[in-house]
Amino acid sequence: MRRIAAELLTVHRGLDLDADLVPVVAGPARRHRLRHGTVDELDGRLHHRRILPMGVPLTMDLLAVAPSGDLIAVTDDSAVHVLGAEGRSATVGVAGADAAHFVAGGLLLLTAPSRGGHAVTLADTATGRVLDRSPLGVDRPVVTLTPHPHDGSVVLDAGLGDDGSALFVVRVAVGTLAVERIGTDVYAGGFPPAGDRLLLLPHARTRDVSVVSWPDRHPVACLAPDRVGARFDECGCFLDGGRVLLRTFGSGLLLCSADLEPTAWLDLDLTPVVGAGDAELSRVVGLSPDTFAADVWDGGEPVPTVWWIHDRAARPALTGTDELSVRLARVAGKLDRARELDGPVMFGADSHHFWLGPPLPEDAVADFERAHAVPLPADYRAFLTRLGHGGPGGSPGAGPYYGLEPLDGPAPSGTLTLSHQGCGHYARLATSGPDRGRVTEDGTRTDDADFLAWYERWLDATLAGEKTF
């Protein structure tokens, strides 16, 4: 089996992947962290993105953040408090809550100890009124909630230590709960973006990793330890619709297809994190289709890190003799040369390191064009689908100023934002009008004929040591 490298993007000393992140589940969900009474929204590399507009007393812990970011759920052990902007608040009289998730209809799902064991509670976020409660039939579990990306259901892991684990699905209908136990001694590894499958990871009592269809939970695939010569643990996730990342004991991280066909082992250089001593990964959380967070542990405090999987073999080959293909291949070669330079050499390079994120699928670009009624200029479209899109983990990628922004909604005046120049100034690509296909910087059109000319001019300046961007 082949081996591919994962590049270390960030070290987050002082961050606890289990205790600090909300949610802790794998996938592209926007994550948050409560620190010093403020709720930080984090980006795809777990860096600070913005502060939510509600303060939190220092005695409280963060349980959940609504998808819109306008509501949070916190607990002081005696009750759960729903806080919103402009002082909005409601109190749910449930003590000791350990997990929560906002569901549609202005409702909050939470878990907490109750008489006779743990229970799931459904509450109204506007009034705090408890609408329904359902016992789980387990005592003192470690609870993790994994929301489905589309259908409103929530998968609930109840870890019981040496006593095994229990897996439930929770559904909400007309203010009532429906809780069903769907597994024993397995953990939920999450859903792919389409939500049509669920990854199941083994408890110490079991051995195999499996994938079942959703919502009917029919077996789709199974991977036994004997197949790869290593035992699996309870860490794993879908990175995207086509790849699964699994952690093994002693052999590191394994990449598989969505059908659990092993494809590659990941090589991680841990020396920048812990030096030359022995170390291992003690926690893995998928962040995006090409990035993941992992705790690096050498016997002391675990050190959270963020890694990028750059699998060149999985990227489209830049072949062809037409002018556009030749230009793309030339740009790719210059990017390779730029990565070999010593030091940041150009503003922003200390962040993107001259890497681009994976190319966008053709259908994703076509969907964007239909949704926004914006046919992209041919050279920019080819760049996105054949060379790369944004940077690792959805952050800005190799490009002028602060780096190339991922494809997003149209900017003002029939343009797309390419990069942030700082101080509120932007480089933009015109998508309509007489300047269609041309680049403007702070509103002034450049002399470049198109996007690729502008981008290659930046690369030429980089390779020449001219800090003109």
Foldseek 3Di string as FASTA:
>chain_A
DAEFAKAFFDWDPPDDLPQFWVPSAFDAQFIWGDDPFWIFTAALFRHGDDTQQDGGPPQWGWAHAASVRFWTWIANQQWIKIAGHPGQIEIARAGAWQHWYDFPPQKIWTWGADVQAIKIWIAHGRHNDTQEIGHPNHHDFNWHWAAQLPDRKIKIWGHDPPVWIWIWIWHDDPSYIDIDTDDTQWDWNYAANVRQKIWIHGHPVDFKTFIATPPVGHTQAIDGCVVVVFTFHRHKHQQHQFWIWTATPPQGIFIATNRRHTDYHYDYDCCVPPNPADWGWDHWHHNHNFKIWTFIDDPDDTIITMIGGDDPVPADDLDDDDPLSVLLVVLVVLLVVLLPDPDQLEAQCSNASSAAAGADDPVVVVVLCVVQVFDADPSVNCCRHHPHFAGTSQHAHDFPANHAHGFDHADPPQWTFGDDNPPPWTKIAHRDDPRHQFIDTSNHTDPAPGDSSRRVVVSVCSVVSHHPD
